């Protein structure tokens, strides 16, 4: 009721305010707001929440955390925008982006030509390699070619699934790394392929001696934030923020916290000409 009185008595002022707001740009999803983000709404981020050490829930607090979570939160601070997360399975993460349930995906999304044709990307904030994981007592795999005819546990829509399939493996669909490792240890699959950083973190934190890294895929992959094609302006804002975070040492600091080394490729340009890769 109070709002209706204001509108009636001060319509010219309201009209001027409306014009001013319109001049500031559209919603956060369109990526059209200024770099300061002062007039923009929350930055809505899609992520898995089950992919340690990138995006997962701390077992002690159940708080969503991880390398990707900290990087996108740092970007949000640079853009002066509150970050809101939406958790979903990897196989539906791009569908959620296309349906505009969120503005950006932060989930170690590898940049490749196929994805670049459909989505806009930031510059990379992680550079990594792919590895083949087997049971500790399995010595039949020493190179990628050795997985031909074997069954590999993979998220169906991930690039790792494409890598395994191209090498001649049969694919058993899973929801994430945890399930893949479980099936491997249960002898229900023979191998799984994943990001080297994810596997090294798993081995470090779980102290699991039942599995091992048996081979490398030979891929060098670059991961970036993914956006809808109509959000290219938002992707550019992310690039500006990532460059600032690289310059002031924040990206390196986050990387050292999670991996003990700088995996950021510090300010590299997204070449992405290539390789099948992570998520």
C-alpha atoms as a PDB file:
ATOM      1  CA  UNK A   1       0.000   0.000   0.000  1.00  0.00           C
ATOM      2  CA  UNK A   2       2.822   2.381   0.802  1.00  0.00           C
ATOM      3  CA  UNK A   3       4.352   1.618  -2.605  1.00  0.00           C
ATOM      4  CA  UNK A   4       1.118   2.588  -4.455  1.00  0.00           C
ATOM      5  CA  UNK A   5       1.035   6.012  -2.784  1.00  0.00           C
ATOM      6  CA  UNK A   6       4.613   6.713  -3.818  1.00  0.00           C
ATOM      7  CA  UNK A   7       3.898   5.766  -7.431  1.00  0.00           C
ATOM      8  CA  UNK A   8       0.849   8.041  -7.652  1.00  0.00           C
ATOM      9  CA  UNK A   9       2.437  11.122  -6.103  1.00  0.00           C
ATOM     10  CA  UNK A  10       5.945  10.834  -7.569  1.00  0.00           C
ATOM     11  CA  UNK A  11       5.464   9.246 -10.979  1.00  0.00           C
ATOM     12  CA  UNK A  12       8.030  11.540 -12.727  1.00  0.00           C
ATOM     13  CA  UNK A  13      10.693  10.550 -10.209  1.00  0.00           C
ATOM     14  CA  UNK A  14       9.864   6.858 -10.587  1.00  0.00           C
ATOM     15  CA  UNK A  15      10.079   7.202 -14.347  1.00  0.00           C
ATOM     16  CA  UNK A  16      13.506   8.800 -14.099  1.00  0.00           C
ATOM     17  CA  UNK A  17      14.698   6.044 -11.740  1.00  0.00           C
ATOM     18  CA  UNK A  18      13.386   3.393 -14.115  1.00  0.00           C
ATOM     19  CA  UNK A  19      15.287   4.974 -17.008  1.00  0.00           C
ATOM     20  CA  UNK A  20      18.451   5.117 -14.919  1.00  0.00           C
ATOM     21  CA  UNK A  21      18.149   1.459 -13.962  1.00  0.00           C
ATOM     22  CA  UNK A  22      17.489   0.472 -17.567  1.00  0.00           C
ATOM     23  CA  UNK A  23      20.635   2.322 -18.587  1.00  0.00           C
ATOM     24  CA  UNK A  24      22.699   0.221 -16.180  1.00  0.00           C
ATOM     25  CA  UNK A  25      22.130  -2.942 -18.173  1.00  0.00           C
ATOM     26  CA  UNK A  26      20.222  -6.196 -18.001  1.00  0.00           C
ATOM     27  CA  UNK A  27      20.279  -9.087 -15.586  1.00  0.00           C
ATOM     28  CA  UNK A  28      23.399 -10.883 -14.445  1.00  0.00           C
ATOM     29  CA  UNK A  29      22.638 -13.777 -16.766  1.00  0.00           C
ATOM     30  CA  UNK A  30      22.968 -11.579 -19.834  1.00  0.00           C
ATOM     31  CA  UNK A  31      26.389 -10.412 -18.770  1.00  0.00           C
ATOM     32  CA  UNK A  32      25.530  -6.840 -19.725  1.00  0.00           C
ATOM     33  CA  UNK A  33      26.091  -5.170 -16.372  1.00  0.00           C
ATOM     34  CA  UNK A  34      29.172  -3.033 -15.761  1.00  0.00           C
ATOM     35  CA  UNK A  35      32.399  -4.493 -14.451  1.00  0.00           C
ATOM     36  CA  UNK A  36      31.660  -3.154 -10.984  1.00  0.00           C
ATOM     37  CA  UNK A  37      28.441  -5.177 -10.892  1.00  0.00           C
ATOM     38  CA  UNK A  38      26.963  -2.550  -8.579  1.00  0.00           C
ATOM     39  CA  UNK A  39      23.541  -2.658 -10.237  1.00  0.00           C
ATOM     40  CA  UNK A  40      23.578  -6.375 -10.979  1.00  0.00           C
ATOM     41  CA  UNK A  41      21.810  -9.099  -9.035  1.00  0.00           C
ATOM     42  CA  UNK A  42      23.495 -12.150  -7.558  1.00  0.00           C
ATOM     43  CA  UNK A  43      25.880 -14.151  -9.699  1.00  0.00           C
ATOM     44  CA  UNK A  44      24.213 -17.547 -10.098  1.00  0.00           C
ATOM     45  CA  UNK A  45      26.678 -20.403 -10.414  1.00  0.00           C
ATOM     46  CA  UNK A  46      26.002 -24.015 -11.419  1.00  0.00           C
ATOM     47  CA  UNK A  47      28.270 -26.683  -9.920  1.00  0.00           C
ATOM     48  CA  UNK A  48      28.295 -30.372  -8.957  1.00  0.00           C
ATOM     49  CA  UNK A  49      29.176 -30.202  -5.283  1.00  0.00           C
ATOM     50  CA  UNK A  50      30.500 -33.776  -5.450  1.00  0.00           C
ATOM     51  CA  UNK A  51      33.806 -33.334  -7.324  1.00  0.00           C
ATOM     52  CA  UNK A  52      36.613 -33.045  -4.778  1.00  0.00           C
ATOM     53  CA  UNK A  53      38.823 -31.039  -4.562  1.00  0.00           C
ATOM     54  CA  UNK A  54      37.128 -28.675  -6.974  1.00  0.00           C
ATOM     55  CA  UNK A  55      33.532 -28.480  -5.767  1.00  0.00           C
ATOM     56  CA  UNK A  56      32.357 -30.582  -2.809  1.00  0.00           C
ATOM     57  CA  UNK A  57      30.959 -30.446   0.713  1.00  0.00           C
ATOM     58  CA  UNK A  58      33.358 -30.358   3.645  1.00  0.00           C
ATOM     59  CA  UNK A  59      32.654 -33.562   5.627  1.00  0.00           C
ATOM     60  CA  UNK A  60      33.005 -31.699   8.939  1.00  0.00           C
ATOM     61  CA  UNK A  61      30.785 -28.695   8.221  1.00  0.00           C
ATOM     62  CA  UNK A  62      28.864 -29.783   5.095  1.00  0.00           C
ATOM     63  CA  UNK A  63      29.781 -26.383   3.652  1.00  0.00           C
ATOM     64  CA  UNK A  64      30.226 -26.202  -0.119  1.00  0.00           C
ATOM     65  CA  UNK A  65      33.925 -25.660  -0.757  1.00  0.00           C
ATOM     66  CA  UNK A  66      36.749 -26.481  -3.132  1.00  0.00           C
ATOM     67  CA  UNK A  67      39.174 -24.910  -5.571  1.00  0.00           C
ATOM     68  CA  UNK A  68      36.543 -23.888  -8.140  1.00  0.00           C
ATOM     69  CA  UNK A  69      34.274 -22.573  -5.397  1.00  0.00           C
ATOM     70  CA  UNK A  70      36.998 -20.319  -3.995  1.00  0.00           C
ATOM     71  CA  UNK A  71      38.039 -19.061  -7.434  1.00  0.00           C
ATOM     72  CA  UNK A  72      34.497 -18.128  -8.504  1.00  0.00           C
ATOM     73  CA  UNK A  73      33.857 -16.498  -5.125  1.00  0.00           C
ATOM     74  CA  UNK A  74      37.024 -14.422  -5.623  1.00  0.00           C
ATOM     75  CA  UNK A  75      35.734 -13.412  -9.062  1.00  0.00           C
ATOM     76  CA  UNK A  76      32.407 -12.469  -7.486  1.00  0.00           C
ATOM     77  CA  UNK A  77      34.220 -10.198  -5.041  1.00  0.00           C
ATOM     78  CA  UNK A  78      36.062  -8.482  -7.902  1.00  0.00           C
ATOM     79  CA  UNK A  79      32.733  -7.930  -9.671  1.00  0.00           C
ATOM     80  CA  UNK A  80      31.037  -6.817  -6.434  1.00  0.00           C
ATOM     81  CA  UNK A  81      28.376  -9.493  -6.853  1.00  0.00           C
ATOM     82  CA  UNK A  82      27.068 -11.982  -4.332  1.00  0.00           C
ATOM     83  CA  UNK A  83      27.600 -15.582  -5.473  1.00  0.00           C
ATOM     84  CA  UNK A  84      24.717 -18.062  -5.267  1.00  0.00           C
ATOM     85  CA  UNK A  85      25.313 -21.745  -6.047  1.00  0.00           C
ATOM     86  CA  UNK A  86      22.968 -24.287  -7.648  1.00  0.00           C
ATOM     87  CA  UNK A  87      24.086 -27.911  -7.327  1.00  0.00           C
ATOM     88  CA  UNK A  88      23.291 -30.496  -9.973  1.00  0.00           C
ATOM     89  CA  UNK A  89      24.759 -33.644 -11.533  1.00  0.00           C
ATOM     90  CA  UNK A  90      27.364 -33.115 -14.208  1.00  0.00           C
ATOM     91  CA  UNK A  91      25.226 -34.780 -16.859  1.00  0.00           C
ATOM     92  CA  UNK A  92      22.578 -32.074 -16.430  1.00  0.00           C
ATOM     93  CA  UNK A  93      24.841 -29.110 -15.732  1.00  0.00           C
ATOM     94  CA  UNK A  94      24.790 -27.679 -19.257  1.00  0.00           C
ATOM     95  CA  UNK A  95      21.037 -28.172 -19.543  1.00  0.00           C
ATOM     96  CA  UNK A  96      20.656 -26.023 -16.435  1.00  0.00           C
ATOM     97  CA  UNK A  97      22.866 -23.345 -17.972  1.00  0.00           C
ATOM     98  CA  UNK A  98      20.835 -23.344 -21.192  1.00  0.00           C
ATOM     99  CA  UNK A  99      17.600 -23.185 -19.182  1.00  0.00           C
ATOM    100  CA  UNK A 100      18.980 -20.045 -17.445  1.00  0.00           C
ATOM    101  CA  UNK A 101      18.835 -21.576 -13.978  1.00  0.00           C
ATOM    102  CA  UNK A 102      22.275 -20.042 -13.487  1.00  0.00           C
ATOM    103  CA  UNK A 103      24.616 -17.637 -15.291  1.00  0.00           C
ATOM    104  CA  UNK A 104      27.855 -19.603 -15.298  1.00  0.00           C
ATOM    105  CA  UNK A 105      29.189 -23.109 -14.664  1.00  0.00           C
ATOM    106  CA  UNK A 106      32.129 -23.527 -12.265  1.00  0.00           C
ATOM    107  CA  UNK A 107      33.033 -27.205 -12.394  1.00  0.00           C
ATOM    108  CA  UNK A 108      36.442 -27.725 -14.046  1.00  0.00           C
ATOM    109  CA  UNK A 109      34.849 -27.474 -17.490  1.00  0.00           C
ATOM    110  CA  UNK A 110      37.462 -28.269 -20.098  1.00  0.00           C
ATOM    111  CA  UNK A 111      37.623 -25.909 -23.054  1.00  0.00           C
ATOM    112  CA  UNK A 112      37.474 -27.662 -26.413  1.00  0.00           C
ATOM    113  CA  UNK A 113      36.254 -26.764 -29.921  1.00  0.00           C
ATOM    114  CA  UNK A 114      32.973 -28.666 -29.550  1.00  0.00           C
ATOM    115  CA  UNK A 115      32.039 -26.771 -26.400  1.00  0.00           C
ATOM    116  CA  UNK A 116      33.318 -23.469 -27.762  1.00  0.00           C
ATOM    117  CA  UNK A 117      30.858 -23.836 -30.624  1.00  0.00           C
ATOM    118  CA  UNK A 118      27.974 -23.899 -28.124  1.00  0.00           C
ATOM    119  CA  UNK A 119      29.155 -21.838 -25.166  1.00  0.00           C
ATOM    120  CA  UNK A 120      31.229 -18.795 -24.265  1.00  0.00           C
ATOM    121  CA  UNK A 121      34.276 -19.389 -22.043  1.00  0.00           C
ATOM    122  CA  UNK A 122      36.497 -17.415 -19.741  1.00  0.00           C
ATOM    123  CA  UNK A 123      40.251 -17.643 -19.977  1.00  0.00           C
ATOM    124  CA  UNK A 124      41.546 -20.795 -18.239  1.00  0.00           C
ATOM    125  CA  UNK A 125      42.023 -20.860 -14.490  1.00  0.00           C
ATOM    126  CA  UNK A 126      43.371 -24.433 -14.349  1.00  0.00           C
ATOM    127  CA  UNK A 127      45.766 -26.437 -16.518  1.00  0.00           C
ATOM    128  CA  UNK A 128      45.980 -30.193 -15.963  1.00  0.00           C
ATOM    129  CA  UNK A 129      46.522 -33.642 -17.497  1.00  0.00           C
ATOM    130  CA  UNK A 130      44.450 -36.816 -17.728  1.00  0.00           C
ATOM    131  CA  UNK A 131      45.281 -40.129 -16.032  1.00  0.00           C
ATOM    132  CA  UNK A 132      44.068 -43.725 -16.188  1.00  0.00           C
ATOM    133  CA  UNK A 133      43.253 -45.279 -12.807  1.00  0.00           C
ATOM    134  CA  UNK A 134      43.188 -49.031 -12.162  1.00  0.00           C
ATOM    135  CA  UNK A 135      43.098 -51.315  -9.155  1.00  0.00           C
ATOM    136  CA  UNK A 136      46.450 -51.451  -7.395  1.00  0.00           C
ATOM    137  CA  UNK A 137      46.997 -55.109  -8.289  1.00  0.00           C
ATOM    138  CA  UNK A 138      46.199 -54.618 -11.992  1.00  0.00           C
ATOM    139  CA  UNK A 139      49.365 -54.320 -14.077  1.00  0.00           C
ATOM    140  CA  UNK A 140      47.693 -54.750 -17.443  1.00  0.00           C
ATOM    141  CA  UNK A 141      47.540 -51.000 -18.159  1.00  0.00           C
ATOM    142  CA  UNK A 142      50.713 -48.975 -18.686  1.00  0.00           C
ATOM    143  CA  UNK A 143      49.488 -46.700 -21.501  1.00  0.00           C
ATOM    144  CA  UNK A 144      46.162 -45.381 -22.759  1.00  0.00           C
ATOM    145  CA  UNK A 145      46.016 -47.895 -25.613  1.00  0.00           C
ATOM    146  CA  UNK A 146      45.887 -50.741 -23.070  1.00  0.00           C
ATOM    147  CA  UNK A 147      42.294 -49.889 -22.081  1.00  0.00           C
ATOM    148  CA  UNK A 148      40.958 -51.126 -25.438  1.00  0.00           C
ATOM    149  CA  UNK A 149      38.214 -53.671 -24.770  1.00  0.00           C
ATOM    150  CA  UNK A 150      38.095 -52.837 -21.068  1.00  0.00           C
ATOM    151  CA  UNK A 151      35.179 -51.163 -19.245  1.00  0.00           C
ATOM    152  CA  UNK A 152      35.726 -47.618 -18.016  1.00  0.00           C
ATOM    153  CA  UNK A 153      33.522 -45.852 -15.446  1.00  0.00           C
ATOM    154  CA  UNK A 154      32.808 -42.304 -16.673  1.00  0.00           C
ATOM    155  CA  UNK A 155      30.265 -39.499 -16.520  1.00  0.00           C
ATOM    156  CA  UNK A 156      28.565 -40.024 -19.881  1.00  0.00           C
ATOM    157  CA  UNK A 157      28.778 -36.408 -21.079  1.00  0.00           C
ATOM    158  CA  UNK A 158      32.325 -35.756 -19.863  1.00  0.00           C
ATOM    159  CA  UNK A 159      35.315 -35.455 -22.158  1.00  0.00           C
ATOM    160  CA  UNK A 160      36.957 -38.249 -20.188  1.00  0.00           C
ATOM    161  CA  UNK A 161      34.227 -40.536 -21.520  1.00  0.00           C
ATOM    162  CA  UNK A 162      35.154 -39.453 -25.045  1.00  0.00           C
ATOM    163  CA  UNK A 163      38.819 -40.164 -24.318  1.00  0.00           C
ATOM    164  CA  UNK A 164      38.023 -43.662 -23.029  1.00  0.00           C
ATOM    165  CA  UNK A 165      35.692 -44.411 -25.921  1.00  0.00           C
ATOM    166  CA  UNK A 166      38.217 -43.205 -28.497  1.00  0.00           C
ATOM    167  CA  UNK A 167      40.774 -45.557 -26.929  1.00  0.00           C
ATOM    168  CA  UNK A 168      38.405 -48.493 -27.453  1.00  0.00           C
ATOM    169  CA  UNK A 169      36.953 -48.878 -23.966  1.00  0.00           C
ATOM    170  CA  UNK A 170      33.336 -49.663 -23.142  1.00  0.00           C
ATOM    171  CA  UNK A 171      31.677 -46.955 -21.054  1.00  0.00           C
ATOM    172  CA  UNK A 172      29.796 -47.602 -17.819  1.00  0.00           C
ATOM    173  CA  UNK A 173      27.984 -44.395 -16.858  1.00  0.00           C
ATOM    174  CA  UNK A 174      28.463 -42.976 -13.363  1.00  0.00           C
ATOM    175  CA  UNK A 175      27.558 -39.734 -11.599  1.00  0.00           C
ATOM    176  CA  UNK A 176      31.066 -38.816 -10.487  1.00  0.00           C
ATOM    177  CA  UNK A 177      34.511 -39.867  -9.291  1.00  0.00           C
ATOM    178  CA  UNK A 178      33.348 -41.397  -6.013  1.00  0.00           C
ATOM    179  CA  UNK A 179      31.046 -43.832  -7.787  1.00  0.00           C
ATOM    180  CA  UNK A 180      33.698 -44.586 -10.421  1.00  0.00           C
ATOM    181  CA  UNK A 181      36.251 -45.546  -7.763  1.00  0.00           C
ATOM    182  CA  UNK A 182      33.677 -47.668  -5.938  1.00  0.00           C
ATOM    183  CA  UNK A 183      32.818 -49.643  -9.091  1.00  0.00           C
ATOM    184  CA  UNK A 184      36.509 -50.059  -9.851  1.00  0.00           C
ATOM    185  CA  UNK A 185      37.250 -51.496  -6.418  1.00  0.00           C
ATOM    186  CA  UNK A 186      34.210 -53.780  -6.691  1.00  0.00           C
ATOM    187  CA  UNK A 187      35.654 -55.229  -9.938  1.00  0.00           C
ATOM    188  CA  UNK A 188      32.551 -54.031 -11.827  1.00  0.00           C
ATOM    189  CA  UNK A 189      34.708 -51.916 -14.159  1.00  0.00           C
ATOM    190  CA  UNK A 190      38.361 -52.138 -15.163  1.00  0.00           C
ATOM    191  CA  UNK A 191      39.473 -48.514 -15.264  1.00  0.00           C
ATOM    192  CA  UNK A 192      38.402 -44.902 -14.920  1.00  0.00           C
ATOM    193  CA  UNK A 193      39.923 -41.794 -16.497  1.00  0.00           C
ATOM    194  CA  UNK A 194      39.916 -38.451 -14.782  1.00  0.00           C
ATOM    195  CA  UNK A 195      41.787 -35.242 -14.105  1.00  0.00           C
ATOM    196  CA  UNK A 196      45.213 -35.826 -12.531  1.00  0.00           C
ATOM    197  CA  UNK A 197      44.572 -33.223  -9.852  1.00  0.00           C
ATOM    198  CA  UNK A 198      41.304 -34.838  -8.787  1.00  0.00           C
ATOM    199  CA  UNK A 199      42.947 -38.259  -8.558  1.00  0.00           C
ATOM    200  CA  UNK A 200      46.002 -37.008  -6.684  1.00  0.00           C
ATOM    201  CA  UNK A 201      43.743 -35.233  -4.215  1.00  0.00           C
ATOM    202  CA  UNK A 202      41.637 -38.385  -3.793  1.00  0.00           C
ATOM    203  CA  UNK A 203      44.716 -40.522  -3.114  1.00  0.00           C
ATOM    204  CA  UNK A 204      46.089 -37.916  -0.708  1.00  0.00           C
ATOM    205  CA  UNK A 205      42.949 -37.394   1.336  1.00  0.00           C
ATOM    206  CA  UNK A 206      41.563 -40.948   1.300  1.00  0.00           C
ATOM    207  CA  UNK A 207      44.908 -42.758   1.646  1.00  0.00           C
ATOM    208  CA  UNK A 208      43.282 -45.414  -0.546  1.00  0.00           C
ATOM    209  CA  UNK A 209      45.904 -48.010  -1.462  1.00  0.00           C
ATOM    210  CA  UNK A 210      43.435 -50.081  -3.455  1.00  0.00           C
ATOM    211  CA  UNK A 211      43.764 -48.008  -6.630  1.00  0.00           C
ATOM    212  CA  UNK A 212      46.629 -46.383  -8.502  1.00  0.00           C
ATOM    213  CA  UNK A 213      47.469 -44.127 -11.430  1.00  0.00           C
ATOM    214  CA  UNK A 214      48.481 -46.589 -14.128  1.00  0.00           C
ATOM    215  CA  UNK A 215      49.034 -44.314 -17.126  1.00  0.00           C
ATOM    216  CA  UNK A 216      48.670 -40.813 -18.485  1.00  0.00           C
ATOM    217  CA  UNK A 217      46.372 -39.965 -21.380  1.00  0.00           C
ATOM    218  CA  UNK A 218      48.785 -37.495 -22.943  1.00  0.00           C
ATOM    219  CA  UNK A 219      46.231 -34.698 -22.786  1.00  0.00           C
ATOM    220  CA  UNK A 220      47.067 -31.210 -21.598  1.00  0.00           C
ATOM    221  CA  UNK A 221      43.791 -29.579 -20.737  1.00  0.00           C
ATOM    222  CA  UNK A 222      42.635 -26.085 -19.892  1.00  0.00           C
ATOM    223  CA  UNK A 223      39.578 -25.474 -17.733  1.00  0.00           C
ATOM    224  CA  UNK A 224      37.480 -22.320 -17.722  1.00  0.00           C
ATOM    225  CA  UNK A 225      34.120 -20.967 -16.638  1.00  0.00           C
ATOM    226  CA  UNK A 226      31.304 -21.724 -19.117  1.00  0.00           C
ATOM    227  CA  UNK A 227      28.555 -19.284 -20.114  1.00  0.00           C
ATOM    228  CA  UNK A 228      25.668 -19.170 -22.557  1.00  0.00           C
ATOM    229  CA  UNK A 229      26.601 -17.662 -25.927  1.00  0.00           C
ATOM    230  CA  UNK A 230      24.441 -14.620 -25.151  1.00  0.00           C
ATOM    231  CA  UNK A 231      26.527 -13.968 -22.024  1.00  0.00           C
ATOM    232  CA  UNK A 232      29.780 -13.117 -23.805  1.00  0.00           C
ATOM    233  CA  UNK A 233      29.932  -9.780 -21.952  1.00  0.00           C
ATOM    234  CA  UNK A 234      29.819 -11.595 -18.605  1.00  0.00           C
ATOM    235  CA  UNK A 235      32.624 -13.881 -19.805  1.00  0.00           C
ATOM    236  CA  UNK A 236      34.697 -10.783 -20.581  1.00  0.00           C
ATOM    237  CA  UNK A 237      34.035  -9.460 -17.078  1.00  0.00           C
ATOM    238  CA  UNK A 238      35.303 -12.777 -15.696  1.00  0.00           C
ATOM    239  CA  UNK A 239      38.453 -12.439 -17.824  1.00  0.00           C
ATOM    240  CA  UNK A 240      39.123  -9.007 -16.374  1.00  0.00           C
ATOM    241  CA  UNK A 241      38.577 -10.308 -12.840  1.00  0.00           C
ATOM    242  CA  UNK A 242      40.759 -13.395 -13.410  1.00  0.00           C
ATOM    243  CA  UNK A 243      43.578 -11.224 -14.781  1.00  0.00           C
ATOM    244  CA  UNK A 244      43.392  -9.057 -11.653  1.00  0.00           C
ATOM    245  CA  UNK A 245      43.363 -12.144  -9.411  1.00  0.00           C
ATOM    246  CA  UNK A 246      46.414 -13.508 -11.219  1.00  0.00           C
ATOM    247  CA  UNK A 247      48.219 -10.171 -10.930  1.00  0.00           C
ATOM    248  CA  UNK A 248      47.637  -9.787  -7.199  1.00  0.00           C
ATOM    249  CA  UNK A 249      48.573 -13.414  -6.462  1.00  0.00           C
ATOM    250  CA  UNK A 250      45.120 -14.559  -5.330  1.00  0.00           C
ATOM    251  CA  UNK A 251      44.812 -17.338  -7.920  1.00  0.00           C
ATOM    252  CA  UNK A 252      48.221 -18.733  -7.043  1.00  0.00           C
ATOM    253  CA  UNK A 253      47.388 -18.590  -3.334  1.00  0.00           C
ATOM    254  CA  UNK A 254      44.156 -20.558  -3.853  1.00  0.00           C
ATOM    255  CA  UNK A 255      45.999 -23.097  -6.003  1.00  0.00           C
ATOM    256  CA  UNK A 256      48.763 -23.605  -3.434  1.00  0.00           C
ATOM    257  CA  UNK A 257      46.135 -24.143  -0.739  1.00  0.00           C
ATOM    258  CA  UNK A 258      44.445 -26.979  -2.617  1.00  0.00           C
ATOM    259  CA  UNK A 259      47.274 -28.575  -4.617  1.00  0.00           C
ATOM    260  CA  UNK A 260      50.588 -27.411  -3.183  1.00  0.00           C
ATOM    261  CA  UNK A 261      51.546 -26.045  -6.582  1.00  0.00           C
ATOM    262  CA  UNK A 262      50.433 -23.413  -9.075  1.00  0.00           C
ATOM    263  CA  UNK A 263      48.045 -25.088 -11.529  1.00  0.00           C
ATOM    264  CA  UNK A 264      46.455 -21.883 -12.787  1.00  0.00           C
ATOM    265  CA  UNK A 265      48.409 -21.333 -15.987  1.00  0.00           C
ATOM    266  CA  UNK A 266      48.523 -17.757 -14.674  1.00  0.00           C
ATOM    267  CA  UNK A 267      46.578 -15.559 -17.032  1.00  0.00           C
ATOM    268  CA  UNK A 268      46.986 -17.877 -20.016  1.00  0.00           C
ATOM    269  CA  UNK A 269      44.812 -17.343 -23.063  1.00  0.00           C
ATOM    270  CA  UNK A 270      42.234 -20.037 -23.763  1.00  0.00           C
ATOM    271  CA  UNK A 271      43.754 -21.742 -26.750  1.00  0.00           C
ATOM    272  CA  UNK A 272      41.593 -24.839 -26.403  1.00  0.00           C
ATOM    273  CA  UNK A 273      42.423 -26.198 -29.780  1.00  0.00           C
ATOM    274  CA  UNK A 274      42.208 -29.526 -28.593  1.00  0.00           C
ATOM    275  CA  UNK A 275      42.222 -32.197 -26.315  1.00  0.00           C
ATOM    276  CA  UNK A 276      39.535 -34.293 -24.755  1.00  0.00           C
ATOM    277  CA  UNK A 277      39.639 -33.502 -21.118  1.00  0.00           C
ATOM    278  CA  UNK A 278      38.258 -33.129 -17.666  1.00  0.00           C
ATOM    279  CA  UNK A 279      34.683 -32.730 -16.684  1.00  0.00           C
END
